[in-house]
Amino acid sequence: MQSATPSRATDTPTIVTIGDSHSKFFGPPKYFAGRAGLRTPLRYTIEPNPISAASVAGFRPGVSTLDVKTKVHQALTGASMAILSFGQVDLELGLYYRRAVKGEEWEAEQYAAWLAEIYANFLDSLDLSGTRIAVKGVNLTALRPRQFAIRYISRIVTKDEGQTQAERNASVAPHMLSEPEQNRLHLSFNDKVRIAAEARGFGYFDLVRETSEEADTGSVTPRLGENFLTAAFDHHLADTIPVRRMHYEAAGKVFGIRTDDLRAAQPVSAGRGRRG
């Protein structure tokens, strides 16, 4: 985790973000301002604290393998504004580990409610004197098509090295939700987390609308836009300038900070004679 001292010592407001690996997009990589055509200095900075494989289930009483609770408390110390961004790992991997490996029986809606309650209880446990909090909901799933999703999930959640990949796939496939069902699970979780956050006076936002496309004909479930899918064997959003910018902008907006400097940035050329 990054040291909080240098950025918080300046007059520029700092937003601390902490979450699973999907929260990495809040932090601009090296040379991002120039690459994106941003004016500097911007009105606020972001101090990212992504924790790989961190889960909401790890907020339960007791010791987590990753000690996520302690890391959250440490990141929040001295922060005036902070964003929590957890849940994607639970919904796309944790559910199938519990179903396929541990043999637990979970209905999707039951699982979303269980996670949201854990999250809400953890929010109540935090010492937030002097800290404004916002919660970011999860993204729509990037795990598609189905065979890609099965192979990716089975590689992560199965631990038996004696199994072939085909055997791993076969052990996970019967427990998999369809893509529309998976996205409905994400939306249900987001709705429950939003209600919990607002009931406690916290901000809430997600990037579902910004990253979704129309679902298949006849379906009312949104779908992640193809331009946000990574070409890699992965379940994160594609790491692009639009993705980084929308995270940065949303972080400022949820705390009422003007983001017009970001909007006023010159677009990056997408080829000769084109703007994008």
Protein backbone atom coordinates (compact mmCIF):
# COMPACT_ATOMS: atom_id res chain seq x y z
CA MET A 1 0.00 0.00 0.00
CA GLN A 2 1.17 3.49 -0.76
CA SER A 3 2.26 5.91 1.91
CA ALA A 4 -0.44 8.46 2.70
CA THR A 5 1.87 11.16 4.05
CA PRO A 6 3.11 13.04 0.94
CA SER A 7 -0.19 13.57 -0.89
CA ARG A 8 -2.20 14.41 2.21
CA ALA A 9 0.30 17.05 3.28
CA THR A 10 -0.48 19.30 0.28
CA ASP A 11 -3.30 21.79 -0.18
CA THR A 12 -4.74 19.72 -3.04
CA PRO A 13 -7.67 17.61 -1.82
CA THR A 14 -6.92 13.90 -1.79
CA ILE A 15 -9.44 11.11 -2.24
CA VAL A 16 -8.31 7.78 -0.81
CA THR A 17 -9.65 4.75 -2.66
CA ILE A 18 -9.46 1.23 -1.31
CA GLY A 19 -10.92 -1.92 -2.78
CA ASP A 20 -10.16 -5.11 -4.64
CA SER A 21 -7.99 -5.13 -7.76
CA HIS A 22 -10.81 -3.58 -9.82
CA SER A 23 -10.27 -0.35 -7.88
CA LYS A 24 -6.85 0.09 -9.52
CA PHE A 25 -8.50 2.21 -12.22
CA PHE A 26 -8.91 5.11 -9.79
CA GLY A 27 -5.15 5.60 -9.77
CA PRO A 28 -3.57 7.22 -12.81
CA PRO A 29 -0.56 5.27 -14.10
CA LYS A 30 2.73 7.02 -14.80
CA TYR A 31 2.51 9.65 -17.56
CA PHE A 32 -1.30 9.34 -17.64
CA ALA A 33 -1.91 13.10 -17.59
CA GLY A 34 0.14 13.61 -20.73
CA ARG A 35 -1.22 10.54 -22.45
CA ALA A 36 -4.81 11.64 -21.80
CA GLY A 37 -4.19 15.29 -22.64
CA LEU A 38 -5.09 16.43 -19.13
CA ARG A 39 -4.23 19.86 -17.78
CA THR A 40 -2.17 19.80 -14.59
CA PRO A 41 -2.42 20.29 -11.75
CA LEU A 42 -5.94 18.89 -11.45
CA ARG A 43 -8.32 19.93 -8.67
CA TYR A 44 -7.75 16.79 -6.60
CA THR A 45 -5.51 13.78 -6.39
CA ILE A 46 -6.38 10.15 -5.81
CA GLU A 47 -4.44 7.83 -3.53
CA PRO A 48 -5.27 4.29 -4.66
CA ASN A 49 -4.99 1.26 -2.39
CA PRO A 50 -6.01 -1.82 -4.42
CA ILE A 51 -5.85 -5.18 -2.62
CA SER A 52 -5.67 -8.12 -5.00
CA ALA A 53 -8.30 -10.81 -4.32
CA ALA A 54 -9.90 -8.81 -1.48
CA SER A 55 -13.49 -9.82 -0.80
CA VAL A 56 -16.51 -8.57 1.12
CA ALA A 57 -16.64 -11.99 2.78
CA GLY A 58 -13.29 -11.08 4.34
CA PHE A 59 -15.04 -8.35 6.37
CA ARG A 60 -16.65 -10.95 8.63
CA PRO A 61 -15.50 -11.25 12.26
CA GLY A 62 -12.30 -13.20 12.62
CA VAL A 63 -8.99 -13.10 10.80
CA SER A 64 -9.01 -12.79 7.02
CA THR A 65 -6.19 -14.39 5.04
CA LEU A 66 -5.46 -11.04 3.40
CA ASP A 67 -6.15 -9.06 6.59
CA VAL A 68 -8.38 -6.78 4.54
CA LYS A 69 -10.05 -5.14 7.55
CA THR A 70 -6.72 -3.92 8.92
CA LYS A 71 -5.67 -2.59 5.52
CA VAL A 72 -8.92 -0.66 5.17
CA HIS A 73 -8.51 0.89 8.62
CA GLN A 74 -4.91 1.86 7.81
CA ALA A 75 -5.87 3.45 4.50
CA LEU A 76 -8.64 5.48 6.13
CA THR A 77 -6.42 6.89 8.86
CA GLY A 78 -6.17 10.64 8.35
CA ALA A 79 -8.25 10.59 5.16
CA SER A 80 -10.79 13.37 4.64
CA MET A 81 -12.49 11.62 1.70
CA ALA A 82 -12.48 7.92 0.94
CA ILE A 83 -14.10 5.49 -1.49
CA LEU A 84 -14.64 1.79 -0.76
CA SER A 85 -14.87 -0.47 -3.80
CA PHE A 86 -15.42 -4.15 -3.04
CA GLY A 87 -17.65 -7.00 -4.21
CA GLN A 88 -16.55 -7.94 -7.74
CA VAL A 89 -14.34 -10.76 -6.46
CA ASP A 90 -17.19 -12.21 -4.39
CA LEU A 91 -19.71 -12.14 -7.22
CA GLU A 92 -17.55 -13.49 -10.03
CA LEU A 93 -15.29 -15.88 -8.13
CA GLY A 94 -16.39 -16.32 -4.51
CA LEU A 95 -19.85 -17.58 -5.43
CA TYR A 96 -18.44 -20.33 -7.62
CA TYR A 97 -15.77 -21.31 -5.12
CA ARG A 98 -18.52 -21.80 -2.55
CA ARG A 99 -20.78 -23.67 -4.95
CA ALA A 100 -18.31 -25.85 -6.86
CA VAL A 101 -15.46 -26.40 -4.40
CA LYS A 102 -17.04 -26.11 -0.96
CA GLY A 103 -20.35 -27.66 -1.99
CA GLU A 104 -22.44 -24.85 -0.49
CA GLU A 105 -25.89 -24.17 -1.86
CA TRP A 106 -26.48 -20.52 -2.67
CA GLU A 107 -29.25 -18.87 -4.62
CA ALA A 108 -28.04 -15.72 -6.36
CA GLU A 109 -30.36 -13.31 -4.54
CA GLN A 110 -29.61 -14.94 -1.20
CA TYR A 111 -25.89 -14.52 -1.85
CA ALA A 112 -26.27 -10.84 -2.78
CA ALA A 113 -28.23 -10.17 0.43
CA TRP A 114 -25.66 -12.02 2.54
CA LEU A 115 -22.78 -10.02 1.10
CA ALA A 116 -24.60 -6.69 1.42
CA GLU A 117 -25.32 -7.36 5.09
CA ILE A 118 -21.64 -8.15 5.74
CA TYR A 119 -20.67 -4.94 3.95
CA ALA A 120 -23.17 -2.87 5.94
CA ASN A 121 -21.96 -4.31 9.25
CA PHE A 122 -18.39 -3.53 8.29
CA LEU A 123 -19.30 0.07 7.45
CA ASP A 124 -20.82 0.36 10.93
CA SER A 125 -17.56 -0.86 12.48
CA LEU A 126 -15.37 1.83 10.94
CA ASP A 127 -14.10 4.84 12.88
CA LEU A 128 -14.99 7.57 10.40
CA SER A 129 -14.65 10.73 12.47
CA GLY A 130 -13.59 13.44 10.05
CA THR A 131 -13.84 11.16 6.99
CA ARG A 132 -16.43 11.44 4.25
CA ILE A 133 -17.19 8.04 2.75
CA ALA A 134 -18.57 6.91 -0.59
CA VAL A 135 -19.11 3.38 -1.83
CA LYS A 136 -18.66 2.30 -5.45
CA GLY A 137 -20.83 -0.52 -6.75
CA VAL A 138 -19.50 -3.36 -8.88
CA ASN A 139 -19.24 -3.38 -12.66
CA LEU A 140 -21.20 -5.57 -15.04
CA THR A 141 -19.38 -8.82 -15.72
CA ALA A 142 -16.61 -8.96 -18.31
CA LEU A 143 -16.70 -12.76 -18.28
CA ARG A 144 -18.01 -13.75 -21.69
CA PRO A 145 -18.51 -15.75 -23.83
CA ARG A 146 -19.54 -18.65 -21.62
CA GLN A 147 -16.64 -20.99 -22.42
CA PHE A 148 -14.19 -18.18 -21.68
CA ALA A 149 -15.98 -17.52 -18.38
CA ILE A 150 -15.95 -21.19 -17.38
CA ARG A 151 -12.27 -21.61 -18.15
CA TYR A 152 -11.28 -18.42 -16.34
CA ILE A 153 -13.35 -19.08 -13.22
CA SER A 154 -12.38 -22.75 -12.99
CA ARG A 155 -8.69 -21.84 -13.22
CA ILE A 156 -9.04 -19.46 -10.26
CA VAL A 157 -11.37 -21.32 -7.90
CA THR A 158 -10.28 -24.95 -8.27
CA LYS A 159 -7.22 -26.01 -6.32
CA ASP A 160 -6.83 -29.68 -7.22
CA GLU A 161 -3.66 -29.78 -9.34
CA GLY A 162 -4.44 -33.41 -10.19
CA GLN A 163 -7.35 -32.32 -12.38
CA THR A 164 -7.04 -31.57 -16.06
CA GLN A 165 -8.40 -28.27 -17.32
CA ALA A 166 -11.34 -30.13 -18.85
CA GLU A 167 -12.11 -31.70 -15.47
CA ARG A 168 -11.89 -28.32 -13.77
CA ASN A 169 -14.25 -26.84 -16.33
CA ALA A 170 -16.70 -29.68 -15.83
CA SER A 171 -16.71 -29.19 -12.05
CA VAL A 172 -17.58 -25.49 -12.33
CA ALA A 173 -19.85 -25.33 -15.39
CA PRO A 174 -23.04 -26.70 -13.73
CA HIS A 175 -22.86 -23.97 -11.08
CA MET A 176 -22.41 -21.05 -13.49
CA LEU A 177 -25.03 -18.38 -14.00
CA SER A 178 -25.75 -17.19 -17.51
CA GLU A 179 -24.40 -13.76 -18.43
CA PRO A 180 -27.80 -12.04 -17.93
CA GLU A 181 -28.26 -13.85 -14.60
CA GLN A 182 -24.75 -12.83 -13.53
CA ASN A 183 -25.44 -9.21 -14.35
CA ARG A 184 -28.75 -9.31 -12.49
CA LEU A 185 -26.79 -10.55 -9.46
CA HIS A 186 -24.43 -7.58 -9.78
CA LEU A 187 -27.30 -5.11 -10.06
CA SER A 188 -29.05 -6.64 -7.05
CA PHE A 189 -25.88 -6.37 -4.99
CA ASN A 190 -25.39 -2.76 -6.07
CA ASP A 191 -28.94 -1.84 -5.13
CA LYS A 192 -28.56 -3.34 -1.66
CA VAL A 193 -25.20 -1.67 -1.10
CA ARG A 194 -26.59 1.68 -2.30
CA ILE A 195 -29.44 1.45 0.22
CA ALA A 196 -27.00 0.55 3.02
CA ALA A 197 -24.65 3.41 2.10
CA GLU A 198 -27.37 6.04 1.84
CA ALA A 199 -28.96 4.90 5.12
CA ARG A 200 -25.65 5.74 6.81
CA GLY A 201 -25.22 9.10 5.13
CA PHE A 202 -22.53 7.85 2.73
CA GLY A 203 -22.28 8.58 -0.96
CA TYR A 204 -22.81 5.90 -3.58
CA PHE A 205 -22.05 5.56 -7.29
CA ASP A 206 -21.34 2.92 -9.89
CA LEU A 207 -20.30 2.93 -13.54
CA VAL A 208 -22.92 0.54 -14.89
CA ARG A 209 -24.63 3.07 -17.14
CA GLU A 210 -21.33 4.46 -18.41
CA THR A 211 -19.98 1.06 -19.43
CA SER A 212 -23.08 -0.82 -20.59
CA GLU A 213 -24.57 -1.47 -23.99
CA GLU A 214 -28.05 -2.63 -24.89
CA ALA A 215 -28.64 -6.23 -23.93
CA ASP A 216 -29.68 -8.91 -26.40
CA THR A 217 -33.11 -8.44 -27.93
CA GLY A 218 -35.84 -9.39 -25.48
CA SER A 219 -33.68 -8.96 -22.39
CA VAL A 220 -33.91 -6.08 -19.93
CA THR A 221 -30.54 -6.88 -18.37
CA PRO A 222 -27.72 -4.49 -19.34
CA ARG A 223 -24.50 -5.86 -20.74
CA LEU A 224 -20.93 -4.57 -20.55
CA GLY A 225 -20.02 -2.75 -23.76
CA GLU A 226 -17.59 -4.54 -26.01
CA ASN A 227 -15.18 -1.59 -25.94
CA PHE A 228 -14.72 -2.16 -22.22
CA LEU A 229 -13.77 -5.82 -22.59
CA THR A 230 -10.09 -6.60 -22.25
CA ALA A 231 -8.52 -8.87 -24.85
CA ALA A 232 -6.53 -10.54 -22.08
CA PHE A 233 -7.47 -13.68 -20.14
CA ASP A 234 -8.88 -11.57 -17.34
CA HIS A 235 -12.10 -10.28 -15.76
CA HIS A 236 -11.20 -6.61 -15.25
CA LEU A 237 -12.34 -3.79 -17.48
CA ALA A 238 -9.97 -2.93 -20.30
CA ASP A 239 -7.29 -0.53 -19.04
CA THR A 240 -7.96 2.41 -21.33
CA ILE A 241 -7.93 6.18 -21.08
CA PRO A 242 -11.77 6.36 -20.99
CA VAL A 243 -11.89 3.83 -18.13
CA ARG A 244 -9.28 5.70 -16.08
CA ARG A 245 -10.92 9.06 -16.75
CA MET A 246 -14.43 7.92 -15.81
CA HIS A 247 -13.13 6.55 -12.49
CA TYR A 248 -11.28 9.77 -11.74
CA GLU A 249 -14.26 11.92 -12.66
CA ALA A 250 -16.79 9.82 -10.72
CA ALA A 251 -14.60 10.00 -7.62
CA GLY A 252 -14.64 13.79 -7.70
CA LYS A 253 -18.34 14.08 -8.48
CA VAL A 254 -19.46 11.92 -5.58
CA PHE A 255 -17.78 14.40 -3.21
CA GLY A 256 -19.06 17.46 -5.06
CA ILE A 257 -15.68 18.45 -6.52
CA ARG A 258 -15.74 20.18 -9.89
CA THR A 259 -14.41 18.03 -12.72
CA ASP A 260 -14.61 20.56 -15.54
CA ASP A 261 -10.81 20.61 -15.77
CA LEU A 262 -10.99 16.97 -16.78
CA ARG A 263 -13.75 17.62 -19.29
CA ALA A 264 -11.78 20.53 -20.75
CA ALA A 265 -8.78 18.33 -21.49
CA GLN A 266 -7.79 18.00 -25.11
CA PRO A 267 -8.83 14.65 -26.59
CA VAL A 268 -6.07 12.29 -27.62
CA SER A 269 -5.67 11.79 -31.38
CA ALA A 270 -6.94 8.40 -32.53
CA GLY A 271 -5.19 8.51 -35.90
CA ARG A 272 -4.60 10.89 -38.75
CA GLY A 273 -7.52 13.22 -39.22
CA ARG A 274 -9.49 11.66 -36.38
CA ARG A 275 -10.26 12.71 -32.83
CA GLY A 276 -11.18 10.27 -30.05
